[in-house]
Amino acid sequence: MTATFTAAEKTITDWLASSRLAMIDMLAEIVNIDSGSYDKAGVDAVGERFQRFFAEHGLPTSTEPHETHGEAIHIRLDDKPTNEMPILLMGHRDTVFPKGEAGRRPFTVKGNMAYGPGVADMKAGLVMNAFVLAAFKRFGGNPAPLAGLITSDEEIASPSSRPVIEATARRARAVFNSEPSRPTGSVVTGRKGGVFMVLEVTGKAAHSGGSFEKGISAIGEIAHKIVAIHALTDLQRGITLNVGLVEGGQSVNTTAPSARGEIDMRYVDPADRATTLASIERIVATSTVPGATASFRIRGEFLPLVQTPAAKDMFEGYLAAASEVGQKVSGEFSGGCADSGFTAAVGCPTLCGVGPIGGNVHTADEWLDLDSIVPRAQALALAIMRMPVSKSSS
């Protein structure tokens, strides 16, 4: 290690280096547990494994149960009461993959690369967070209280976790969200917001040969609406609209009595959310096919991650820490969404994508660079240790 490390920094970074195999073993164990967002039993099983780890290392945990989705897990270094706002290490344990996926393609290592469902997005980041918290519990050196949060449904826009995330972030001083670093090694300094909607159109069935004039085609109407919705895309402003799923109709010889589409809207500027949704509302309310009616609803959404001056300071501190452990890191804007948008939106400085390096997420080719686990854990620990003196909560 470099001579710029203090004794405390060297102790923690050395311990993290010595924990490499333990990190990989734990990662293999949790990758081999199915934990799709709707698989509550599987998501909670992964959570139980983390709770055992924290108990073994003397870190207290508490949970917030949910009937439908996995429980949220809070982690602290100790039970000592404090008015200081903690630094929060955050991540989700659900994946996009169906039950049985872990059995079909379990955790596998080829050279310095690991493969398996959720290996990068984001089970490796959770393992990294767990070991960083354990290191500070063992050796101290944190400039403020530390806390962890493991959520359960990020891949479906966090319907149960969002209130927990927002409440926790309001009480936090800063958030490191350990989504995977980009394949380039970059961390994420900004993200788009996303709104996911369901559009439903109602028409009237009629025989398409014998009584065509009595019918009202919902498919015809949704086709007009799709063209109008797609026309709202403004690439220069970072606004995109995509109707990615469409279904409807009864039979080929019947005018369609109903049709349904799912809309993905992405944006950069928080102000564009309201204006774009207002445009969609007007399109939905306006019928091109006489007699057709339509409605839409928001199924889920993420808020954009916007870099504030305080978040920029976090980023610069992280870059310096990463450089000292041999990691060349830059910042990157992502069109993908994450829970970090929720923490940033409540005013908590946030840095995302600080997990180990991975790629091809949400596919059968998802990979993780095993050689990045230790240096990314060390960079996170150093960035935490070098943060300015903490402030008190109001």
Protein backbone atom coordinates (compact mmCIF):
# COMPACT_ATOMS: atom_id res chain seq x y z
CA MET A 1 0.00 0.00 0.00
CA THR A 2 1.09 3.59 -0.48
CA ALA A 3 2.80 5.70 2.15
CA THR A 4 -0.11 8.15 2.14
CA PHE A 5 -2.25 5.75 4.18
CA THR A 6 -2.71 6.39 7.86
CA ALA A 7 -2.32 3.45 10.22
CA ALA A 8 -6.11 3.12 10.50
CA GLU A 9 -6.54 3.22 6.71
CA LYS A 10 -3.88 0.57 6.21
CA THR A 11 -5.46 -1.70 8.82
CA ILE A 12 -8.86 -1.59 7.13
CA THR A 13 -7.58 -1.88 3.55
CA ASP A 14 -5.33 -4.80 4.53
CA TRP A 15 -8.24 -6.60 6.23
CA LEU A 16 -10.44 -6.12 3.16
CA ALA A 17 -7.68 -7.55 0.98
CA SER A 18 -7.40 -10.56 3.27
CA SER A 19 -11.17 -11.09 2.98
CA ARG A 20 -11.21 -11.60 -0.81
CA LEU A 21 -11.97 -15.30 -0.75
CA ALA A 22 -14.59 -14.86 1.98
CA MET A 23 -16.30 -12.22 -0.16
CA ILE A 24 -16.33 -14.50 -3.19
CA ASP A 25 -17.63 -17.44 -1.13
CA MET A 26 -20.49 -15.34 0.22
CA LEU A 27 -21.24 -14.00 -3.26
CA ALA A 28 -21.45 -17.55 -4.63
CA GLU A 29 -23.85 -18.51 -1.88
CA ILE A 30 -26.30 -15.67 -2.48
CA VAL A 31 -26.12 -15.81 -6.30
CA ASN A 32 -27.23 -19.43 -5.99
CA ILE A 33 -30.43 -18.34 -4.22
CA ASP A 34 -33.22 -17.28 -6.58
CA SER A 35 -34.41 -13.82 -5.62
CA GLY A 36 -36.60 -12.40 -8.35
CA SER A 37 -38.48 -9.30 -7.26
CA TYR A 38 -41.78 -11.19 -6.87
CA ASP A 39 -40.18 -14.19 -5.15
CA LYS A 40 -40.64 -13.06 -1.56
CA ALA A 41 -39.35 -16.31 -0.08
CA GLY A 42 -36.18 -16.17 -2.14
CA VAL A 43 -35.56 -12.47 -1.53
CA ASP A 44 -35.99 -13.00 2.21
CA ALA A 45 -33.68 -16.02 2.11
CA VAL A 46 -30.92 -13.82 0.72
CA GLY A 47 -31.72 -11.29 3.42
CA GLU A 48 -31.44 -13.95 6.12
CA ARG A 49 -27.95 -14.84 4.88
CA PHE A 50 -26.87 -11.24 5.28
CA GLN A 51 -28.44 -11.03 8.70
CA ARG A 52 -26.39 -14.06 9.80
CA PHE A 53 -23.25 -12.37 8.50
CA PHE A 54 -23.97 -9.19 10.42
CA ALA A 55 -24.78 -11.12 13.61
CA GLU A 56 -21.46 -12.97 13.30
CA HIS A 57 -19.64 -9.63 13.08
CA GLY A 58 -21.53 -7.95 15.91
CA LEU A 59 -23.58 -5.54 13.82
CA PRO A 60 -27.19 -5.05 14.98
CA THR A 61 -29.95 -5.29 12.39
CA SER A 62 -33.66 -4.55 12.26
CA THR A 63 -36.25 -5.28 9.61
CA GLU A 64 -39.35 -3.70 8.13
CA PRO A 65 -41.62 -6.55 6.97
CA HIS A 66 -43.89 -6.45 3.94
CA GLU A 67 -46.69 -8.84 3.04
CA THR A 68 -45.95 -8.97 -0.70
CA HIS A 69 -42.29 -8.13 -1.13
CA GLY A 70 -39.15 -8.95 0.82
CA GLU A 71 -38.44 -7.12 4.05
CA ALA A 72 -36.12 -4.13 4.24
CA ILE A 73 -33.03 -4.68 6.39
CA HIS A 74 -31.39 -1.89 8.38
CA ILE A 75 -27.82 -2.35 9.67
CA ARG A 76 -25.91 -0.29 12.24
CA LEU A 77 -22.41 -0.50 13.68
CA ASP A 78 -23.77 -0.54 17.22
CA ASP A 79 -26.77 0.32 19.39
CA LYS A 80 -25.29 3.49 20.88
CA PRO A 81 -27.74 6.41 20.66
CA THR A 82 -26.52 9.41 18.65
CA ASN A 83 -27.82 12.60 17.11
CA GLU A 84 -25.27 12.41 14.30
CA MET A 85 -26.54 11.69 10.80
CA PRO A 86 -25.03 8.47 9.44
CA ILE A 87 -23.30 7.68 6.17
CA LEU A 88 -25.54 5.13 4.46
CA LEU A 89 -24.39 2.17 2.35
CA MET A 90 -27.32 0.98 0.25
CA GLY A 91 -28.30 -1.73 -2.19
CA HIS A 92 -31.01 -4.14 -3.33
CA ARG A 93 -31.00 -7.94 -3.31
CA ASP A 94 -33.74 -8.70 -5.85
CA THR A 95 -32.99 -9.68 -9.45
CA VAL A 96 -34.92 -9.71 -12.72
CA PHE A 97 -34.64 -13.47 -13.15
CA PRO A 98 -37.38 -16.11 -12.73
CA LYS A 99 -37.42 -18.86 -10.15
CA GLY A 100 -35.14 -21.72 -11.18
CA GLU A 101 -32.60 -19.49 -12.93
CA ALA A 102 -29.96 -20.04 -10.24
CA GLY A 103 -30.28 -23.79 -10.71
CA ARG A 104 -29.99 -23.51 -14.48
CA ARG A 105 -26.86 -21.36 -14.41
CA PRO A 106 -25.35 -21.22 -10.91
CA PHE A 107 -22.41 -19.08 -9.82
CA THR A 108 -19.47 -19.90 -12.07
CA VAL A 109 -15.90 -18.61 -12.20
CA LYS A 110 -13.84 -18.51 -15.38
CA GLY A 111 -10.46 -16.91 -14.88
CA ASN A 112 -11.04 -13.60 -13.11
CA MET A 113 -14.69 -13.40 -14.20
CA ALA A 114 -17.75 -14.60 -12.32
CA TYR A 115 -21.15 -15.36 -13.85
CA GLY A 116 -24.63 -16.03 -12.51
CA PRO A 117 -28.01 -14.32 -12.03
CA GLY A 118 -27.57 -11.02 -10.22
CA VAL A 119 -23.82 -11.49 -9.74
CA ALA A 120 -23.18 -7.86 -10.70
CA ASP A 121 -26.65 -6.34 -10.31
CA MET A 122 -26.24 -6.16 -7.49
CA LYS A 123 -25.29 -8.97 -5.18
CA ALA A 124 -21.56 -8.21 -5.41
CA GLY A 125 -22.22 -4.64 -4.25
CA LEU A 126 -24.15 -5.93 -1.24
CA VAL A 127 -21.32 -8.27 -0.28
CA MET A 128 -18.87 -5.39 -0.62
CA ASN A 129 -21.04 -3.18 1.61
CA ALA A 130 -21.32 -5.93 4.21
CA PHE A 131 -17.57 -6.41 4.47
CA VAL A 132 -16.91 -2.65 4.59
CA LEU A 133 -19.39 -2.31 7.47
CA ALA A 134 -17.76 -5.29 9.20
CA ALA A 135 -14.32 -3.71 8.78
CA PHE A 136 -15.41 -0.49 10.48
CA LYS A 137 -17.12 -2.45 13.23
CA ARG A 138 -13.91 -4.35 13.87
CA PHE A 139 -11.38 -1.51 13.58
CA GLY A 140 -13.25 1.80 13.84
CA GLY A 141 -12.03 4.84 11.93
CA ASN A 142 -15.35 6.05 10.54
CA PRO A 143 -15.79 9.85 10.87
CA ALA A 144 -19.55 9.54 11.46
CA PRO A 145 -22.00 6.77 12.32
CA LEU A 146 -22.40 4.19 9.58
CA ALA A 147 -25.59 2.47 8.51
CA GLY A 148 -26.63 -0.01 5.87
CA LEU A 149 -29.88 -0.60 4.03
CA ILE A 150 -30.71 -3.69 1.96
CA THR A 151 -33.95 -3.46 0.00
CA SER A 152 -36.00 -6.00 -1.89
CA ASP A 153 -37.76 -4.72 -5.01
CA GLU A 154 -35.63 -2.21 -6.93
CA GLU A 155 -35.99 -4.08 -10.20
CA ILE A 156 -39.72 -3.28 -10.22
CA ALA A 157 -39.30 0.38 -9.17
CA SER A 158 -39.27 -0.28 -5.40
CA PRO A 159 -43.02 -0.19 -4.67
CA SER A 160 -42.51 -1.31 -1.07
CA SER A 161 -38.99 0.02 -0.51
CA ARG A 162 -39.33 3.59 -1.76
CA PRO A 163 -40.91 4.96 1.46
CA VAL A 164 -38.23 3.17 3.51
CA ILE A 165 -35.44 4.52 1.30
CA GLU A 166 -36.75 8.08 1.42
CA ALA A 167 -37.27 8.05 5.19
CA THR A 168 -33.80 6.59 5.77
CA ALA A 169 -32.14 9.08 3.40
CA ARG A 170 -33.79 12.04 5.11
CA ARG A 171 -31.95 11.02 8.27
CA ALA A 172 -28.62 10.35 6.50
CA ARG A 173 -25.64 12.55 5.80
CA ALA A 174 -24.62 10.88 2.54
CA VAL A 175 -25.47 7.77 0.52
CA PHE A 176 -23.20 5.40 -1.37
CA ASN A 177 -25.36 3.17 -3.56
CA SER A 178 -23.36 0.09 -4.56
CA GLU A 179 -24.91 -0.67 -7.91
CA PRO A 180 -22.23 -2.13 -10.21
CA SER A 181 -19.58 0.14 -11.62
CA ARG A 182 -19.88 0.49 -15.39
CA PRO A 183 -17.94 -1.97 -17.59
CA THR A 184 -15.49 0.90 -18.15
CA GLY A 185 -14.88 1.10 -14.41
CA SER A 186 -16.77 4.41 -14.09
CA VAL A 187 -19.06 5.22 -11.20
CA VAL A 188 -22.45 6.82 -11.79
CA THR A 189 -22.84 10.53 -11.08
CA GLY A 190 -26.24 11.03 -12.72
CA ARG A 191 -29.21 8.98 -13.87
CA LYS A 192 -32.42 9.53 -15.76
CA GLY A 193 -35.76 9.35 -14.06
CA GLY A 194 -38.29 6.85 -15.36
CA VAL A 195 -42.07 6.55 -15.32
CA PHE A 196 -43.66 3.24 -16.28
CA MET A 197 -47.30 3.40 -17.34
CA VAL A 198 -50.14 1.18 -18.51
CA LEU A 199 -52.40 2.50 -21.29
CA GLU A 200 -55.82 0.86 -21.75
CA VAL A 201 -58.17 1.55 -24.69
CA THR A 202 -61.80 0.47 -24.94
CA GLY A 203 -63.66 0.03 -28.22
CA LYS A 204 -66.61 -2.10 -29.34
CA ALA A 205 -66.66 -5.56 -30.85
CA ALA A 206 -68.44 -6.18 -34.15
CA HIS A 207 -68.13 -8.69 -36.97
CA SER A 208 -65.51 -7.24 -39.25
CA GLY A 209 -67.34 -8.46 -42.37
CA GLY A 210 -71.05 -8.46 -41.64
CA SER A 211 -71.36 -5.39 -39.35
CA PHE A 212 -68.07 -3.55 -39.61
CA GLU A 213 -69.73 -0.15 -39.25
CA LYS A 214 -71.00 -1.06 -35.76
CA GLY A 215 -67.52 -1.70 -34.41
CA ILE A 216 -65.04 0.62 -32.68
CA SER A 217 -61.48 -0.59 -33.03
CA ALA A 218 -59.43 -0.22 -29.87
CA ILE A 219 -56.39 -1.41 -31.79
CA GLY A 220 -56.90 1.32 -34.36
CA GLU A 221 -57.13 3.88 -31.57
CA ILE A 222 -54.08 2.65 -29.67
CA ALA A 223 -52.08 2.74 -32.90
CA HIS A 224 -52.76 6.47 -33.24
CA LYS A 225 -51.88 7.04 -29.60
CA ILE A 226 -48.60 5.11 -29.89
CA VAL A 227 -47.48 7.29 -32.80
CA ALA A 228 -48.38 10.44 -30.85
CA ILE A 229 -46.68 9.23 -27.65
CA HIS A 230 -43.48 8.30 -29.49
CA ALA A 231 -43.47 11.77 -31.07
CA LEU A 232 -42.93 13.26 -27.59
CA THR A 233 -39.35 11.92 -27.65
CA ASP A 234 -36.77 14.72 -27.52
CA LEU A 235 -33.29 13.25 -27.61
CA GLN A 236 -31.56 16.60 -27.11
CA ARG A 237 -33.35 17.04 -23.79
CA GLY A 238 -32.94 13.39 -22.82
CA ILE A 239 -36.67 12.62 -23.02
CA THR A 240 -37.58 9.24 -24.51
CA LEU A 241 -40.93 7.50 -24.87
CA ASN A 242 -41.25 3.85 -25.74
CA VAL A 243 -44.39 1.73 -25.93
CA GLY A 244 -42.63 -1.57 -25.46
CA LEU A 245 -45.56 -3.95 -25.02
CA VAL A 246 -48.89 -4.00 -26.89
CA GLU A 247 -51.76 -6.46 -26.80
CA GLY A 248 -55.39 -6.39 -27.79
CA GLY A 249 -58.25 -7.69 -29.87
CA GLN A 250 -60.52 -10.68 -29.77
CA SER A 251 -60.13 -12.37 -33.15
CA VAL A 252 -58.94 -11.48 -36.64
CA ASN A 253 -62.53 -11.11 -37.86
CA THR A 254 -63.71 -8.92 -34.97
CA THR A 255 -63.13 -5.20 -34.47
CA ALA A 256 -61.01 -5.05 -31.32
CA PRO A 257 -63.05 -4.27 -28.19
CA SER A 258 -59.93 -3.57 -26.12
CA ALA A 259 -56.20 -2.93 -26.37
CA ARG A 260 -53.43 -2.37 -23.87
CA GLY A 261 -49.94 -0.93 -24.04
CA GLU A 262 -47.09 -0.36 -21.57
CA ILE A 263 -45.15 2.90 -21.78
CA ASP A 264 -41.58 3.61 -20.66
CA MET A 265 -40.79 7.31 -20.21
CA ARG A 266 -37.29 8.55 -19.36
CA TYR A 267 -36.18 12.10 -18.58
CA VAL A 268 -33.23 14.05 -17.16
CA ASP A 269 -34.64 17.35 -15.88
CA PRO A 270 -37.12 16.83 -13.02
CA ALA A 271 -39.32 19.58 -14.53
CA ASP A 272 -39.80 17.49 -17.68
CA ARG A 273 -41.70 14.82 -15.76
CA ALA A 274 -44.81 16.95 -15.27
CA THR A 275 -44.83 18.50 -18.73
CA THR A 276 -44.40 15.17 -20.50
CA LEU A 277 -47.06 13.46 -18.40
CA ALA A 278 -49.44 16.33 -19.21
CA SER A 279 -48.81 15.72 -22.91
CA ILE A 280 -49.54 12.02 -22.48
CA GLU A 281 -52.76 12.87 -20.65
CA ARG A 282 -53.91 14.97 -23.61
CA ILE A 283 -53.12 12.18 -26.05
CA VAL A 284 -55.02 9.65 -23.94
CA ALA A 285 -58.04 11.96 -23.66
CA THR A 286 -58.21 12.67 -27.40
CA SER A 287 -59.90 10.02 -29.57
CA THR A 288 -59.07 9.59 -33.25
CA VAL A 289 -61.40 6.61 -33.73
CA PRO A 290 -64.92 7.91 -32.89
CA GLY A 291 -66.33 6.29 -29.77
CA ALA A 292 -63.05 4.90 -28.44
CA THR A 293 -62.10 5.76 -24.87
CA ALA A 294 -58.83 5.39 -23.01
CA SER A 295 -57.17 5.70 -19.63
CA PHE A 296 -53.66 5.32 -18.26
CA ARG A 297 -52.06 4.77 -14.88
CA ILE A 298 -48.56 4.91 -13.48
CA ARG A 299 -47.37 1.42 -12.56
CA GLY A 300 -44.07 2.52 -11.05
CA GLU A 301 -41.37 5.13 -11.32
CA PHE A 302 -37.86 6.23 -10.43
CA LEU A 303 -36.66 9.78 -9.84
CA PRO A 304 -33.56 11.16 -11.56
CA LEU A 305 -30.19 11.25 -9.83
CA VAL A 306 -29.00 14.85 -10.10
CA GLN A 307 -25.49 15.72 -8.96
CA THR A 308 -25.46 18.52 -6.38
CA PRO A 309 -22.32 20.38 -5.20
CA ALA A 310 -22.21 18.15 -2.11
CA ALA A 311 -22.53 15.03 -4.27
CA LYS A 312 -19.74 16.33 -6.50
CA ASP A 313 -17.53 16.64 -3.45
CA MET A 314 -18.33 13.02 -2.59
CA PHE A 315 -17.43 11.98 -6.12
CA GLU A 316 -14.10 13.81 -6.04
CA GLY A 317 -13.25 12.25 -2.69
CA TYR A 318 -14.08 8.83 -4.05
CA LEU A 319 -11.90 9.39 -7.15
CA ALA A 320 -8.93 10.26 -4.96
CA ALA A 321 -9.49 7.19 -2.76
CA ALA A 322 -9.86 4.89 -5.77
CA SER A 323 -6.68 6.24 -7.32
CA GLU A 324 -4.72 5.29 -4.20
CA VAL A 325 -5.73 1.64 -4.56
CA GLY A 326 -4.86 1.55 -8.25
CA GLN A 327 -8.33 2.17 -9.68
CA LYS A 328 -8.65 4.67 -12.53
CA VAL A 329 -12.21 5.89 -12.15
CA SER A 330 -14.30 8.53 -13.86
CA GLY A 331 -17.92 9.63 -13.61
CA GLU A 332 -20.60 8.57 -16.04
CA PHE A 333 -24.22 9.49 -16.71
CA SER A 334 -26.60 6.54 -17.07
CA GLY A 335 -29.94 6.34 -18.82
CA GLY A 336 -30.84 3.52 -16.45
CA CYS A 337 -32.72 4.18 -13.22
CA ALA A 338 -31.92 3.22 -9.63
CA ASP A 339 -32.92 3.82 -6.01
CA SER A 340 -30.22 6.50 -5.81
CA GLY A 341 -32.67 8.89 -7.45
CA PHE A 342 -34.95 8.62 -4.42
CA THR A 343 -32.16 9.47 -1.98
CA ALA A 344 -30.94 12.40 -4.07
CA ALA A 345 -34.48 13.75 -4.45
CA VAL A 346 -34.91 14.13 -0.67
CA GLY A 347 -31.72 16.19 -0.53
CA CYS A 348 -29.18 13.59 0.56
CA PRO A 349 -25.83 13.77 -1.31
CA THR A 350 -25.58 10.53 -3.27
CA LEU A 351 -22.99 8.67 -5.31
CA CYS A 352 -24.10 5.61 -7.27
CA GLY A 353 -22.41 2.73 -9.07
CA VAL A 354 -19.59 2.29 -6.53
CA GLY A 355 -19.88 -1.50 -6.53
CA PRO A 356 -17.49 -3.94 -8.21
CA ILE A 357 -17.19 -3.76 -12.00
CA GLY A 358 -19.73 -5.74 -14.02
CA GLY A 359 -21.67 -5.81 -17.25
CA ASN A 360 -24.36 -7.42 -19.41
CA VAL A 361 -26.74 -7.10 -16.47
CA HIS A 362 -30.28 -8.47 -16.83
CA THR A 363 -29.02 -11.06 -19.34
CA ALA A 364 -27.72 -14.62 -19.24
CA ASP A 365 -24.26 -13.20 -20.00
CA GLU A 366 -24.06 -11.02 -16.86
CA TRP A 367 -20.48 -10.90 -15.61
CA LEU A 368 -18.45 -9.58 -12.69
CA ASP A 369 -14.75 -8.75 -12.58
CA LEU A 370 -13.61 -10.59 -9.44
CA ASP A 371 -10.36 -8.61 -9.37
CA SER A 372 -12.39 -5.45 -8.74
CA ILE A 373 -14.05 -6.61 -5.50
CA VAL A 374 -11.21 -5.78 -3.12
CA PRO A 375 -10.08 -2.45 -4.63
CA ARG A 376 -13.67 -1.19 -4.87
CA ALA A 377 -14.25 -2.15 -1.23
CA GLN A 378 -11.00 -0.41 -0.27
CA ALA A 379 -11.91 2.71 -2.26
CA LEU A 380 -15.29 2.91 -0.54
CA ALA A 381 -13.73 2.49 2.90
CA LEU A 382 -11.10 5.15 2.23
CA ALA A 383 -13.69 7.56 0.82
CA ILE A 384 -15.73 7.13 4.00
CA MET A 385 -12.73 7.61 6.30
CA ARG A 386 -11.74 10.82 4.54
CA MET A 387 -15.16 12.47 4.54
CA PRO A 388 -15.34 15.80 6.42
CA VAL A 389 -16.45 15.88 10.05
CA SER A 390 -20.08 14.86 10.29
CA LYS A 391 -22.91 17.22 11.07
CA SER A 392 -25.64 16.67 13.63
CA SER A 393 -29.24 16.06 12.75
CA SER A 394 -31.74 18.79 13.52
